[in-house]
C-alpha atoms as a PDB file:
ATOM      1  CA  MET A   1      10.592 -28.019   0.796  1.00  0.00           C
ATOM      2  CA  SER A   2       7.604 -28.871   3.002  1.00  0.00           C
ATOM      3  CA  ARG A   3       4.522 -26.700   3.516  1.00  0.00           C
ATOM      4  CA  LYS A   4       5.547 -26.067   7.122  1.00  0.00           C
ATOM      5  CA  MET A   5       9.015 -24.877   6.115  1.00  0.00           C
ATOM      6  CA  VAL A   6       7.568 -22.502   3.493  1.00  0.00           C
ATOM      7  CA  VAL A   7       5.129 -21.021   6.018  1.00  0.00           C
ATOM      8  CA  ARG A   8       7.921 -20.560   8.546  1.00  0.00           C
ATOM      9  CA  LEU A   9      10.144 -18.828   5.987  1.00  0.00           C
ATOM     10  CA  ILE A  10       7.383 -16.501   4.741  1.00  0.00           C
ATOM     11  CA  SER A  11       6.398 -15.617   8.309  1.00  0.00           C
ATOM     12  CA  ARG A  12       9.991 -14.732   9.104  1.00  0.00           C
ATOM     13  CA  ILE A  13      10.331 -12.493   6.041  1.00  0.00           C
ATOM     14  CA  LYS A  14       7.018 -10.732   6.655  1.00  0.00           C
ATOM     15  CA  GLY A  15       7.498 -10.433  10.414  1.00  0.00           C
ATOM     16  CA  ARG A  16       4.066 -11.846  11.184  1.00  0.00           C
ATOM     17  CA  ASN A  17       2.231 -15.169  11.206  1.00  0.00           C
ATOM     18  CA  TYR A  18       1.420 -16.273   7.651  1.00  0.00           C
ATOM     19  CA  VAL A  19      -1.329 -18.801   6.927  1.00  0.00           C
ATOM     20  CA  LEU A  20      -1.601 -20.701   3.633  1.00  0.00           C
ATOM     21  CA  ASP A  21      -4.945 -21.683   2.157  1.00  0.00           C
ATOM     22  CA  PRO A  22      -5.310 -25.413   2.904  1.00  0.00           C
ATOM     23  CA  ASP A  23      -6.360 -26.088  -0.710  1.00  0.00           C
ATOM     24  CA  ILE A  24      -3.012 -24.905  -2.132  1.00  0.00           C
ATOM     25  CA  SER A  25      -1.287 -27.987  -3.566  1.00  0.00           C
ATOM     26  CA  ILE A  26       2.361 -28.799  -2.942  1.00  0.00           C
ATOM     27  CA  ARG A  27       3.028 -28.524  -6.687  1.00  0.00           C
ATOM     28  CA  THR A  28       1.539 -25.032  -6.864  1.00  0.00           C
ATOM     29  CA  LEU A  29       3.347 -24.032  -3.685  1.00  0.00           C
ATOM     30  CA  ALA A  30       6.666 -25.197  -5.134  1.00  0.00           C
ATOM     31  CA  SER A  31       6.085 -23.218  -8.350  1.00  0.00           C
ATOM     32  CA  VAL A  32       5.150 -20.027  -6.498  1.00  0.00           C
ATOM     33  CA  SER A  33       8.060 -20.421  -4.072  1.00  0.00           C
ATOM     34  CA  ALA A  34      10.545 -20.784  -6.936  1.00  0.00           C
ATOM     35  CA  ARG A  35       9.206 -17.651  -8.632  1.00  0.00           C
ATOM     36  CA  ARG A  36       9.294 -15.655  -5.399  1.00  0.00           C
ATOM     37  CA  LEU A  37      12.869 -16.776  -4.748  1.00  0.00           C
ATOM     38  CA  ILE A  38      13.877 -15.384  -8.147  1.00  0.00           C
ATOM     39  CA  TRP A  39      12.073 -12.139  -7.317  1.00  0.00           C
ATOM     40  CA  LEU A  40      13.878 -11.940  -3.966  1.00  0.00           C
ATOM     41  CA  LEU A  41      17.286 -12.487  -5.556  1.00  0.00           C
ATOM     42  CA  ARG A  42      16.508  -9.823  -8.178  1.00  0.00           C
ATOM     43  CA  GLY A  43      15.349  -7.410  -5.473  1.00  0.00           C
ATOM     44  CA  ASN A  44      18.485  -7.866  -3.391  1.00  0.00           C
ATOM     45  CA  LEU A  45      20.733  -7.418  -6.410  1.00  0.00           C
ATOM     46  CA  LYS A  46      18.963  -4.233  -7.532  1.00  0.00           C
ATOM     47  CA  SER A  47      18.992  -2.848  -3.991  1.00  0.00           C
ATOM     48  CA  LEU A  48      22.695  -3.609  -3.607  1.00  0.00           C
ATOM     49  CA  LEU A  49      23.578  -1.991  -6.931  1.00  0.00           C
ATOM     50  CA  LEU A  50      21.338   1.089  -6.653  1.00  0.00           C
ATOM     51  CA  ARG A  51      21.045   1.641  -2.891  1.00  0.00           C
ATOM     52  CA  GLY A  52      24.211   0.019  -1.585  1.00  0.00           C
ATOM     53  CA  LYS A  53      22.365  -2.298   0.793  1.00  0.00           C
ATOM     54  CA  LEU A  54      20.516  -5.614   0.862  1.00  0.00           C
ATOM     55  CA  CYS A  55      16.804  -5.829   1.653  1.00  0.00           C
ATOM     56  CA  THR A  56      13.976  -8.374   1.559  1.00  0.00           C
ATOM     57  CA  VAL A  57      12.102  -6.960  -1.428  1.00  0.00           C
ATOM     58  CA  PHE A  58      10.514  -9.124  -4.128  1.00  0.00           C
ATOM     59  CA  LEU A  59      10.848  -7.695  -7.641  1.00  0.00           C
ATOM     60  CA  ALA A  60       9.236  -9.111 -10.770  1.00  0.00           C
ATOM     61  CA  SER A  61      10.857  -8.417 -14.126  1.00  0.00           C
ATOM     62  CA  GLY A  62      10.768  -4.919 -15.569  1.00  0.00           C
ATOM     63  CA  VAL A  63      10.654  -3.023 -12.247  1.00  0.00           C
ATOM     64  CA  THR A  64      12.326   0.395 -12.468  1.00  0.00           C
ATOM     65  CA  TRP A  65      13.734   2.448  -9.592  1.00  0.00           C
ATOM     66  CA  ARG A  66      14.767   6.020 -10.342  1.00  0.00           C
ATOM     67  CA  ASN A  67      16.716   8.105  -7.824  1.00  0.00           C
ATOM     68  CA  ALA A  68      16.912   4.960  -5.714  1.00  0.00           C
ATOM     69  CA  HIS A  69      18.914   6.648  -2.944  1.00  0.00           C
ATOM     70  CA  MET A  70      15.691   8.507  -2.044  1.00  0.00           C
ATOM     71  CA  ILE A  71      13.590   5.339  -1.798  1.00  0.00           C
ATOM     72  CA  ARG A  72      13.235   3.801   1.690  1.00  0.00           C
ATOM     73  CA  LEU A  73      11.970   0.231   1.863  1.00  0.00           C
ATOM     74  CA  GLY A  74      10.652  -1.908   4.699  1.00  0.00           C
ATOM     75  CA  ARG A  75      10.867  -5.687   4.584  1.00  0.00           C
ATOM     76  CA  GLY A  76       8.739  -8.113   2.614  1.00  0.00           C
ATOM     77  CA  ILE A  77       7.750  -5.563  -0.067  1.00  0.00           C
ATOM     78  CA  THR A  78       6.486  -6.892  -3.413  1.00  0.00           C
ATOM     79  CA  MET A  79       6.639  -5.003  -6.718  1.00  0.00           C
ATOM     80  CA  GLU A  80       5.081  -6.806  -9.661  1.00  0.00           C
ATOM     81  CA  ARG A  81       5.963  -6.542 -13.351  1.00  0.00           C
ATOM     82  CA  GLY A  82       6.542  -3.078 -14.800  1.00  0.00           C
ATOM     83  CA  VAL A  83       6.320  -1.043 -11.579  1.00  0.00           C
ATOM     84  CA  ILE A  84       8.064   2.357 -11.670  1.00  0.00           C
ATOM     85  CA  VAL A  85       9.080   4.145  -8.460  1.00  0.00           C
ATOM     86  CA  ASP A  86      10.874   7.498  -8.744  1.00  0.00           C
ATOM     87  CA  GLY A  87      12.324   8.721  -5.470  1.00  0.00           C
ATOM     88  CA  LEU A  88      13.008  12.279  -6.634  1.00  0.00           C
ATOM     89  CA  SER A  89      11.190  14.519  -4.105  1.00  0.00           C
ATOM     90  CA  ARG A  90      11.776  16.606  -1.001  1.00  0.00           C
ATOM     91  CA  ARG A  91      10.974  13.804   1.459  1.00  0.00           C
ATOM     92  CA  GLY A  92      11.567  10.787  -0.768  1.00  0.00           C
ATOM     93  CA  ILE A  93       9.434   7.661  -1.158  1.00  0.00           C
ATOM     94  CA  GLU A  94       8.861   5.453   1.898  1.00  0.00           C
ATOM     95  CA  LEU A  95       7.211   2.031   1.656  1.00  0.00           C
ATOM     96  CA  GLY A  96       6.455   0.172   4.905  1.00  0.00           C
ATOM     97  CA  ASP A  97       6.745  -3.539   5.657  1.00  0.00           C
ATOM     98  CA  ASN A  98       4.819  -5.891   3.347  1.00  0.00           C
ATOM     99  CA  VAL A  99       3.557  -3.183   0.993  1.00  0.00           C
ATOM    100  CA  MET A 100       2.453  -4.620  -2.366  1.00  0.00           C
ATOM    101  CA  LEU A 101       2.462  -2.702  -5.667  1.00  0.00           C
ATOM    102  CA  GLY A 102       0.582  -4.439  -8.475  1.00  0.00           C
ATOM    103  CA  ALA A 103       1.723  -4.682 -12.080  1.00  0.00           C
ATOM    104  CA  TYR A 104       2.520  -1.404 -13.865  1.00  0.00           C
ATOM    105  CA  CYS A 105       1.886   0.862 -10.888  1.00  0.00           C
ATOM    106  CA  VAL A 106       3.693   4.221 -11.037  1.00  0.00           C
ATOM    107  CA  ILE A 107       4.810   6.388  -8.098  1.00  0.00           C
ATOM    108  CA  ARG A 108       6.367   9.777  -8.817  1.00  0.00           C
ATOM    109  CA  ALA A 109       6.389  13.225  -7.242  1.00  0.00           C
ATOM    110  CA  SER A 110       8.597  15.616  -9.166  1.00  0.00           C
ATOM    111  CA  SER A 111      10.262  16.943 -12.246  1.00  0.00           C
ATOM    112  CA  LEU A 112      13.737  18.506 -12.291  1.00  0.00           C
ATOM    113  CA  THR A 113      12.144  21.959 -12.476  1.00  0.00           C
ATOM    114  CA  ASN A 114       9.591  21.475  -9.689  1.00  0.00           C
ATOM    115  CA  LEU A 115      10.307  19.189  -6.745  1.00  0.00           C
ATOM    116  CA  GLY A 116       7.292  17.545  -5.124  1.00  0.00           C
ATOM    117  CA  GLU A 117       6.896  16.490  -1.498  1.00  0.00           C
ATOM    118  CA  GLY A 118       6.975  12.673  -1.742  1.00  0.00           C
ATOM    119  CA  VAL A 119       5.045   9.561  -0.739  1.00  0.00           C
ATOM    120  CA  LYS A 120       4.626   7.454   2.377  1.00  0.00           C
ATOM    121  CA  ILE A 121       2.716   4.137   2.311  1.00  0.00           C
ATOM    122  CA  GLY A 122       2.190   2.357   5.631  1.00  0.00           C
ATOM    123  CA  ARG A 123       2.817  -1.294   6.400  1.00  0.00           C
ATOM    124  CA  GLU A 124       0.513  -4.030   5.029  1.00  0.00           C
ATOM    125  CA  SER A 125      -1.040  -1.708   2.427  1.00  0.00           C
ATOM    126  CA  ALA A 126      -1.549  -2.844  -1.168  1.00  0.00           C
ATOM    127  CA  MET A 127      -2.217  -1.113  -4.485  1.00  0.00           C
ATOM    128  CA  ASP A 128      -3.407  -3.244  -7.388  1.00  0.00           C
ATOM    129  CA  ALA A 129      -2.416  -3.080 -11.046  1.00  0.00           C
ATOM    130  CA  TYR A 130      -2.190   0.056 -13.219  1.00  0.00           C
ATOM    131  CA  SER A 131      -2.546   2.481 -10.325  1.00  0.00           C
ATOM    132  CA  TYR A 132      -0.819   5.873 -10.168  1.00  0.00           C
ATOM    133  CA  ILE A 133       0.442   8.215  -7.474  1.00  0.00           C
ATOM    134  CA  GLY A 134       1.349  11.743  -8.516  1.00  0.00           C
ATOM    135  CA  ALA A 135       2.633  13.246  -5.282  1.00  0.00           C
ATOM    136  CA  GLY A 136       3.586  16.830  -5.991  1.00  0.00           C
ATOM    137  CA  GLY A 137       1.809  18.009  -2.842  1.00  0.00           C
ATOM    138  CA  GLY A 138       2.613  14.834  -0.926  1.00  0.00           C
ATOM    139  CA  VAL A 139       0.626  11.619  -0.553  1.00  0.00           C
ATOM    140  CA  SER A 140       0.361   9.761   2.749  1.00  0.00           C
ATOM    141  CA  ILE A 141      -1.369   6.362   2.800  1.00  0.00           C
ATOM    142  CA  GLY A 142      -1.834   4.650   6.145  1.00  0.00           C
ATOM    143  CA  GLU A 143      -1.471   1.047   7.272  1.00  0.00           C
ATOM    144  CA  SER A 144      -3.624  -1.863   6.038  1.00  0.00           C
ATOM    145  CA  VAL A 145      -5.142   0.111   3.168  1.00  0.00           C
ATOM    146  CA  ILE A 146      -6.343  -2.073   0.286  1.00  0.00           C
ATOM    147  CA  MET A 147      -6.815  -0.627  -3.199  1.00  0.00           C
ATOM    148  CA  GLY A 148      -8.199  -2.035  -6.438  1.00  0.00           C
ATOM    149  CA  GLN A 149      -6.948  -1.516  -9.981  1.00  0.00           C
ATOM    150  CA  HIS A 150      -6.574   1.861 -11.707  1.00  0.00           C
ATOM    151  CA  VAL A 151      -6.646   3.915  -8.495  1.00  0.00           C
ATOM    152  CA  SER A 152      -5.063   7.345  -8.981  1.00  0.00           C
ATOM    153  CA  PHE A 153      -3.819  10.186  -6.759  1.00  0.00           C
ATOM    154  CA  HIS A 154      -3.303  13.732  -8.094  1.00  0.00           C
ATOM    155  CA  ALA A 155      -1.798  15.879  -5.335  1.00  0.00           C
ATOM    156  CA  GLU A 156      -1.578  19.184  -7.180  1.00  0.00           C
ATOM    157  CA  ASN A 157      -3.631  21.482  -9.411  1.00  0.00           C
ATOM    158  CA  HIS A 158      -2.724  23.833 -12.248  1.00  0.00           C
ATOM    159  CA  LYS A 159      -3.533  27.515 -11.959  1.00  0.00           C
ATOM    160  CA  TYR A 160      -5.520  28.843 -14.928  1.00  0.00           C
ATOM    161  CA  ASP A 161      -6.639  32.396 -14.057  1.00  0.00           C
ATOM    162  CA  ARG A 162      -4.686  34.186 -16.789  1.00  0.00           C
ATOM    163  CA  LEU A 163      -5.724  34.091 -20.442  1.00  0.00           C
ATOM    164  CA  ASP A 164      -2.496  35.584 -21.817  1.00  0.00           C
ATOM    165  CA  THR A 165      -0.269  32.761 -20.531  1.00  0.00           C
ATOM    166  CA  PRO A 166      -0.425  29.031 -21.278  1.00  0.00           C
ATOM    167  CA  ILE A 167      -1.857  27.074 -18.358  1.00  0.00           C
ATOM    168  CA  LYS A 168       1.319  24.992 -18.047  1.00  0.00           C
ATOM    169  CA  GLN A 169       3.268  28.206 -17.292  1.00  0.00           C
ATOM    170  CA  GLN A 170       0.912  29.592 -14.624  1.00  0.00           C
ATOM    171  CA  GLY A 171       2.200  27.490 -11.761  1.00  0.00           C
ATOM    172  CA  LEU A 172       0.670  24.987  -9.355  1.00  0.00           C
ATOM    173  CA  THR A 173      -1.197  24.759  -6.087  1.00  0.00           C
ATOM    174  CA  ARG A 174      -0.468  21.868  -3.735  1.00  0.00           C
ATOM    175  CA  LYS A 175      -2.300  20.690  -0.612  1.00  0.00           C
ATOM    176  CA  GLY A 176      -1.513  16.981  -0.481  1.00  0.00           C
ATOM    177  CA  ILE A 177      -3.628  13.843  -0.057  1.00  0.00           C
ATOM    178  CA  VAL A 178      -4.018  11.741   3.092  1.00  0.00           C
ATOM    179  CA  ILE A 179      -5.607   8.291   3.425  1.00  0.00           C
ATOM    180  CA  ASP A 180      -5.786   7.068   7.012  1.00  0.00           C
ATOM    181  CA  ASP A 181      -5.449   3.450   8.191  1.00  0.00           C
ATOM    182  CA  ASP A 182      -7.743   0.517   7.389  1.00  0.00           C
ATOM    183  CA  CYS A 183      -9.514   1.837   4.289  1.00  0.00           C
ATOM    184  CA  TRP A 184     -10.896  -0.157   1.334  1.00  0.00           C
ATOM    185  CA  ILE A 185     -10.642   1.697  -1.970  1.00  0.00           C
ATOM    186  CA  GLY A 186     -12.418   0.335  -5.031  1.00  0.00           C
ATOM    187  CA  SER A 187     -11.119   0.152  -8.586  1.00  0.00           C
ATOM    188  CA  ASN A 188     -10.984   3.308 -10.741  1.00  0.00           C
ATOM    189  CA  THR A 189     -11.191   5.640  -7.745  1.00  0.00           C
ATOM    190  CA  THR A 190      -9.612   9.074  -8.194  1.00  0.00           C
ATOM    191  CA  PHE A 191      -8.290  11.244  -5.346  1.00  0.00           C
ATOM    192  CA  LEU A 192      -7.850  14.952  -6.057  1.00  0.00           C
ATOM    193  CA  ASP A 193      -5.581  17.400  -4.270  1.00  0.00           C
ATOM    194  CA  GLY A 194      -6.702  18.210  -0.727  1.00  0.00           C
ATOM    195  CA  ALA A 195      -8.572  14.940  -0.161  1.00  0.00           C
ATOM    196  CA  HIS A 196      -8.348  13.514   3.369  1.00  0.00           C
ATOM    197  CA  VAL A 197     -10.025  10.159   3.968  1.00  0.00           C
ATOM    198  CA  GLY A 198     -10.535   9.193   7.592  1.00  0.00           C
ATOM    199  CA  ARG A 199      -9.804   5.838   9.166  1.00  0.00           C
ATOM    200  CA  GLY A 200     -11.877   2.811   8.215  1.00  0.00           C
ATOM    201  CA  CYS A 201     -13.608   4.274   5.146  1.00  0.00           C
ATOM    202  CA  VAL A 202     -14.956   2.354   2.145  1.00  0.00           C
ATOM    203  CA  ILE A 203     -14.656   4.187  -1.186  1.00  0.00           C
ATOM    204  CA  ALA A 204     -16.829   2.643  -3.899  1.00  0.00           C
ATOM    205  CA  ALA A 205     -15.417   1.834  -7.332  1.00  0.00           C
ATOM    206  CA  GLY A 206     -15.294   4.800  -9.696  1.00  0.00           C
ATOM    207  CA  ALA A 207     -15.659   7.500  -7.038  1.00  0.00           C
ATOM    208  CA  VAL A 208     -13.899  10.867  -7.294  1.00  0.00           C
ATOM    209  CA  VAL A 209     -12.867  12.015  -3.820  1.00  0.00           C
ATOM    210  CA  ILE A 210     -12.495  15.697  -2.942  1.00  0.00           C
ATOM    211  CA  GLY A 211     -12.049  17.261   0.500  1.00  0.00           C
ATOM    212  CA  GLU A 212     -12.640  15.717   3.928  1.00  0.00           C
ATOM    213  CA  VAL A 213     -14.228  12.296   4.430  1.00  0.00           C
ATOM    214  CA  PRO A 214     -15.148  11.460   8.049  1.00  0.00           C
ATOM    215  CA  PRO A 215     -13.838   8.217   9.560  1.00  0.00           C
ATOM    216  CA  TYR A 216     -15.823   5.010   8.843  1.00  0.00           C
ATOM    217  CA  SER A 217     -17.755   6.569   5.970  1.00  0.00           C
ATOM    218  CA  VAL A 218     -18.952   4.804   2.828  1.00  0.00           C
ATOM    219  CA  VAL A 219     -18.461   7.034  -0.219  1.00  0.00           C
ATOM    220  CA  VAL A 220     -19.908   6.671  -3.727  1.00  0.00           C
ATOM    221  CA  GLY A 221     -20.254   8.777  -6.861  1.00  0.00           C
ATOM    222  CA  ILE A 222     -18.777  11.738  -8.755  1.00  0.00           C
ATOM    223  CA  PRO A 223     -18.062  13.825  -6.819  1.00  0.00           C
ATOM    224  CA  GLY A 224     -17.841  11.375  -3.935  1.00  0.00           C
ATOM    225  CA  ARG A 225     -20.563  11.686  -1.318  1.00  0.00           C
ATOM    226  CA  VAL A 226     -21.040   9.927   2.000  1.00  0.00           C
ATOM    227  CA  VAL A 227     -24.036   7.571   1.811  1.00  0.00           C
ATOM    228  CA  LYS A 228     -23.673   5.943   5.219  1.00  0.00           C
ATOM    229  CA  SER A 229     -21.438   5.378   8.201  1.00  0.00           C
ATOM    230  CA  ARG A 230     -20.085   1.909   8.951  1.00  0.00           C
ATOM    231  CA  LYS A 231     -21.136   2.560  12.529  1.00  0.00           C
ATOM    232  CA  GLN A 232     -24.791   2.599  11.416  1.00  0.00           C
ATOM    233  CA  PRO A 233     -26.981   0.007   9.616  1.00  0.00           C
ATOM    234  CA  THR A 234     -27.071   0.130   5.788  1.00  0.00           C
ATOM    235  CA  PRO A 235     -30.131   2.114   4.582  1.00  0.00           C
ATOM    236  CA  ALA A 236     -32.789  -0.174   3.122  1.00  0.00           C
ATOM    237  CA  HIS A 237     -32.767   1.563  -0.291  1.00  0.00           C
ATOM    238  CA  LEU A 238     -29.040   0.832  -0.867  1.00  0.00           C
ATOM    239  CA  SER A 239     -27.907  -2.541  -2.156  1.00  0.00           C
ATOM    240  CA  ALA A 240     -24.690  -4.206  -1.051  1.00  0.00           C
ATOM    241  CA  THR A 241     -23.113  -3.540  -4.456  1.00  0.00           C
ATOM    242  CA  GLN A 242     -23.836   0.193  -4.226  1.00  0.00           C
ATOM    243  CA  VAL A 243     -21.812   0.551  -1.059  1.00  0.00           C
ATOM    244  CA  SER A 244     -19.064  -1.945  -1.844  1.00  0.00           C
ATOM    245  CA  GLY A 245     -15.589  -0.863  -2.864  1.00  0.00           C
ATOM    246  CA  GLN A 246     -15.330  -3.061  -5.986  1.00  0.00           C
END
């Protein structure tokens, strides 16, 4: 298969123009294409068996879908090795076109005794390896959001006011987490319940995000604090690495 044919096929699956790096060799391209074809066949088979329909989803080995009838998938989605997606929730799990979940990511919202709200991830967004979404209060991630490794979302809190009752029996509070479009989230970032990150933000690696973050902010630290706006020049005392997301 020629480079042009591969590009045409990928563009058709993804629903947008796809451009290969010119330094990718034909041999490498053939190897990757063969692997992706296997992933596509596996994805269609799993979708047919568990959801009763075909879809253009690429699944590496060891991907697990639980309560698959509550999982809604766009086209061109990739789930790498060991991903777990559990659809059990009030609104289900919705993944938009071309969403990518890196190796060993986990998405879940509920237990049988306490249904959570669910998850929505917009088109062209990607979450890298070993990341986690706990969506009891609901997690909404916008379009074109890029995330590093070990990013975690915790959309609920335990009550702990009483001393005569174990914390696990005191119930939960849930507000939900929202990440708007076009954000860059660095590795090891943690989002706590009630966080709302505005459009176009950069969240530096290792930050812990609580509450409202204005659009186009750059956030660093624990707890996360806004150190600049992308609409303004970088302060002279901050280096590029301090405000980067990785």
